[in-house]
N, C-alpha and C. Protein backbone atom coordinates (compact mmCIF):
# COMPACT_ATOMS: atom_id res chain seq x y z
N UNK A 1 -136.77 -92.55 77.39
CA UNK A 1 -138.14 -92.93 77.65
C UNK A 1 -138.63 -92.32 78.97
N UNK A 2 -137.81 -92.29 79.99
CA UNK A 2 -138.20 -91.70 81.26
C UNK A 2 -138.52 -90.23 81.10
N UNK A 3 -137.71 -89.50 80.35
CA UNK A 3 -137.94 -88.07 80.15
C UNK A 3 -139.27 -87.82 79.47
N UNK A 4 -139.69 -88.71 78.56
CA UNK A 4 -140.98 -88.55 77.89
C UNK A 4 -142.12 -88.62 78.89
N UNK A 5 -142.03 -89.52 79.87
CA UNK A 5 -143.08 -89.64 80.88
C UNK A 5 -143.13 -88.41 81.77
N UNK A 6 -142.00 -87.80 82.03
CA UNK A 6 -141.96 -86.64 82.90
C UNK A 6 -142.57 -85.42 82.22
N UNK A 7 -142.28 -85.22 80.95
CA UNK A 7 -142.74 -84.01 80.28
C UNK A 7 -143.96 -84.25 79.39
N UNK A 8 -144.34 -85.50 79.19
CA UNK A 8 -145.46 -85.80 78.31
C UNK A 8 -146.75 -86.03 79.08
N UNK A 9 -147.71 -86.56 78.38
CA UNK A 9 -149.00 -86.88 78.98
C UNK A 9 -148.84 -87.93 80.09
N UNK A 10 -149.60 -87.79 81.12
CA UNK A 10 -149.55 -88.69 82.27
C UNK A 10 -150.37 -89.97 82.03
N UNK A 11 -151.42 -89.87 81.21
CA UNK A 11 -152.33 -91.00 80.98
C UNK A 11 -152.27 -91.47 79.53
N UNK A 12 -152.61 -92.75 79.32
CA UNK A 12 -152.56 -93.36 78.00
C UNK A 12 -153.96 -93.50 77.42
N UNK A 13 -154.05 -93.53 76.11
CA UNK A 13 -155.32 -93.79 75.44
C UNK A 13 -155.79 -95.18 75.85
N UNK A 14 -157.06 -95.29 76.20
CA UNK A 14 -157.63 -96.56 76.64
C UNK A 14 -157.63 -96.74 78.15
N UNK A 15 -156.88 -95.93 78.86
CA UNK A 15 -156.78 -96.04 80.31
C UNK A 15 -158.10 -95.62 80.96
N UNK A 16 -158.48 -96.31 82.04
CA UNK A 16 -159.69 -95.99 82.80
C UNK A 16 -159.29 -95.05 83.94
N UNK A 17 -160.02 -93.93 84.06
CA UNK A 17 -159.68 -92.89 85.04
C UNK A 17 -160.94 -92.37 85.72
N UNK A 18 -160.73 -91.62 86.78
CA UNK A 18 -161.80 -90.85 87.42
C UNK A 18 -161.69 -89.41 86.94
N UNK A 19 -162.83 -88.75 86.83
CA UNK A 19 -162.87 -87.35 86.41
C UNK A 19 -163.45 -86.53 87.54
N UNK A 20 -162.69 -85.55 88.00
CA UNK A 20 -163.13 -84.64 89.05
C UNK A 20 -163.11 -83.22 88.47
N UNK A 21 -164.26 -82.74 87.98
CA UNK A 21 -164.28 -81.42 87.35
C UNK A 21 -163.91 -80.31 88.31
N UNK A 22 -163.22 -79.32 87.78
CA UNK A 22 -162.77 -78.19 88.59
C UNK A 22 -163.72 -77.00 88.50
N UNK A 23 -164.49 -76.93 87.41
CA UNK A 23 -165.38 -75.78 87.25
C UNK A 23 -166.83 -76.18 87.52
N UNK A 24 -167.61 -75.24 87.89
CA UNK A 24 -169.03 -75.51 88.16
C UNK A 24 -169.77 -75.90 86.90
N UNK A 25 -169.32 -75.42 85.75
CA UNK A 25 -170.00 -75.77 84.50
C UNK A 25 -169.87 -77.25 84.17
N UNK A 26 -168.90 -77.93 84.77
CA UNK A 26 -168.72 -79.36 84.53
C UNK A 26 -169.15 -80.19 85.74
N UNK A 27 -169.75 -79.58 86.74
CA UNK A 27 -170.08 -80.29 87.97
C UNK A 27 -171.19 -81.32 87.80
N UNK A 28 -171.84 -81.34 86.64
CA UNK A 28 -172.89 -82.31 86.38
C UNK A 28 -172.33 -83.67 85.96
N UNK A 29 -171.02 -83.78 85.87
CA UNK A 29 -170.41 -85.03 85.45
C UNK A 29 -170.72 -86.13 86.46
N UNK A 30 -171.18 -87.28 85.99
CA UNK A 30 -171.49 -88.36 86.91
C UNK A 30 -170.24 -88.90 87.58
N UNK A 31 -170.40 -89.47 88.76
CA UNK A 31 -169.25 -90.03 89.47
C UNK A 31 -169.08 -91.48 89.04
N UNK A 32 -168.48 -91.65 87.91
CA UNK A 32 -168.21 -92.95 87.35
C UNK A 32 -166.80 -92.92 86.76
N UNK A 33 -166.39 -94.02 86.25
CA UNK A 33 -165.09 -94.03 85.59
C UNK A 33 -165.26 -93.62 84.14
N UNK A 34 -164.18 -93.11 83.59
CA UNK A 34 -164.14 -92.66 82.21
C UNK A 34 -162.96 -93.32 81.53
N UNK A 35 -163.04 -93.43 80.21
CA UNK A 35 -161.93 -93.97 79.43
C UNK A 35 -161.32 -92.85 78.62
N UNK A 36 -159.98 -92.81 78.62
CA UNK A 36 -159.26 -91.84 77.80
C UNK A 36 -159.41 -92.28 76.34
N UNK A 37 -159.97 -91.40 75.50
CA UNK A 37 -160.14 -91.74 74.09
C UNK A 37 -159.14 -91.02 73.19
N UNK A 38 -158.56 -89.92 73.70
CA UNK A 38 -157.55 -89.18 72.92
C UNK A 38 -156.73 -88.31 73.85
N UNK A 39 -155.48 -88.10 73.47
CA UNK A 39 -154.63 -87.14 74.19
C UNK A 39 -154.58 -85.87 73.35
N UNK A 40 -154.79 -84.75 74.00
CA UNK A 40 -154.84 -83.46 73.32
C UNK A 40 -153.65 -82.61 73.73
N UNK A 41 -153.34 -81.58 72.95
CA UNK A 41 -152.21 -80.71 73.30
C UNK A 41 -152.48 -79.91 74.57
N UNK A 42 -151.43 -79.26 75.03
CA UNK A 42 -151.56 -78.40 76.21
C UNK A 42 -152.46 -77.21 75.90
N UNK A 43 -153.20 -76.80 76.91
CA UNK A 43 -154.01 -75.59 76.85
C UNK A 43 -153.77 -74.85 78.16
N UNK A 44 -153.30 -73.64 78.06
CA UNK A 44 -152.95 -72.84 79.23
C UNK A 44 -151.98 -73.61 80.15
N UNK A 45 -151.01 -74.28 79.53
CA UNK A 45 -149.95 -74.95 80.26
C UNK A 45 -150.26 -76.32 80.81
N UNK A 46 -151.42 -76.88 80.47
CA UNK A 46 -151.80 -78.18 81.02
C UNK A 46 -152.31 -79.09 79.91
N UNK A 47 -151.84 -80.36 79.93
CA UNK A 47 -152.32 -81.32 78.94
C UNK A 47 -153.81 -81.55 79.12
N UNK A 48 -154.47 -81.91 78.02
CA UNK A 48 -155.89 -82.21 78.04
C UNK A 48 -156.12 -83.60 77.46
N UNK A 49 -157.28 -84.15 77.77
CA UNK A 49 -157.68 -85.47 77.28
C UNK A 49 -159.12 -85.43 76.83
N UNK A 50 -159.44 -86.25 75.86
CA UNK A 50 -160.83 -86.49 75.51
C UNK A 50 -161.21 -87.76 76.28
N UNK A 51 -162.31 -87.71 77.03
CA UNK A 51 -162.72 -88.84 77.86
C UNK A 51 -164.19 -89.17 77.58
N UNK A 52 -164.56 -90.43 77.86
CA UNK A 52 -165.94 -90.85 77.65
C UNK A 52 -166.36 -91.78 78.77
N UNK A 53 -167.53 -91.49 79.35
CA UNK A 53 -168.12 -92.36 80.36
C UNK A 53 -168.85 -93.50 79.68
N UNK A 54 -168.95 -94.62 80.37
CA UNK A 54 -169.59 -95.80 79.79
C UNK A 54 -171.06 -95.58 79.49
N UNK A 55 -171.72 -94.72 80.24
CA UNK A 55 -173.16 -94.51 80.08
C UNK A 55 -173.50 -93.19 79.42
N UNK A 56 -172.53 -92.59 78.75
CA UNK A 56 -172.75 -91.32 78.08
C UNK A 56 -172.61 -91.50 76.58
N UNK A 57 -173.37 -90.72 75.84
CA UNK A 57 -173.27 -90.78 74.38
C UNK A 57 -172.19 -89.86 73.84
N UNK A 58 -171.78 -88.88 74.62
CA UNK A 58 -170.82 -87.89 74.16
C UNK A 58 -169.47 -88.04 74.89
N UNK A 59 -168.48 -87.36 74.35
CA UNK A 59 -167.18 -87.30 75.00
C UNK A 59 -167.01 -85.92 75.62
N UNK A 60 -166.09 -85.82 76.55
CA UNK A 60 -165.77 -84.55 77.21
C UNK A 60 -164.29 -84.27 77.02
N UNK A 61 -163.91 -83.03 77.26
CA UNK A 61 -162.50 -82.67 77.31
C UNK A 61 -162.19 -82.35 78.77
N UNK A 62 -161.12 -82.95 79.28
CA UNK A 62 -160.73 -82.76 80.67
C UNK A 62 -159.26 -82.39 80.75
N UNK A 63 -158.92 -81.47 81.63
CA UNK A 63 -157.51 -81.14 81.86
C UNK A 63 -156.89 -82.22 82.74
N UNK A 64 -155.58 -82.36 82.64
CA UNK A 64 -154.90 -83.43 83.36
C UNK A 64 -155.10 -83.38 84.87
N UNK A 65 -155.18 -82.20 85.45
CA UNK A 65 -155.33 -82.09 86.90
C UNK A 65 -156.72 -82.53 87.38
N UNK A 66 -157.68 -82.67 86.47
CA UNK A 66 -159.03 -83.10 86.83
C UNK A 66 -159.21 -84.61 86.65
N UNK A 67 -158.15 -85.29 86.24
CA UNK A 67 -158.20 -86.73 85.99
C UNK A 67 -157.26 -87.44 86.94
N UNK A 68 -157.72 -88.57 87.49
CA UNK A 68 -156.86 -89.37 88.37
C UNK A 68 -156.98 -90.84 88.02
N UNK A 69 -156.01 -91.59 88.43
CA UNK A 69 -155.97 -93.02 88.12
C UNK A 69 -157.11 -93.76 88.80
N UNK A 70 -157.65 -94.71 88.06
CA UNK A 70 -158.67 -95.61 88.60
C UNK A 70 -157.99 -96.86 89.11
N UNK A 71 -158.55 -97.47 90.11
CA UNK A 71 -157.95 -98.70 90.65
C UNK A 71 -158.38 -99.92 89.86
N UNK A 72 -159.27 -99.74 88.85
CA UNK A 72 -159.72 -100.87 88.05
C UNK A 72 -158.84 -101.12 86.87
């Protein structure tokens, strides 16, 4: 089980996280918390997640390095 956490996804579906976009094309993302709605496969060596903000109608795709734990 420990090895799965080391090599697998860092976040769980349903977890509340912060999203810090790395590219300018995503810089319009509001500074709110997001919920992980799906875990996606690696892309260019990094896991991805589908996330949704509470006040947004759509979901986004975020790489793991752009997501951090929320204290809530």
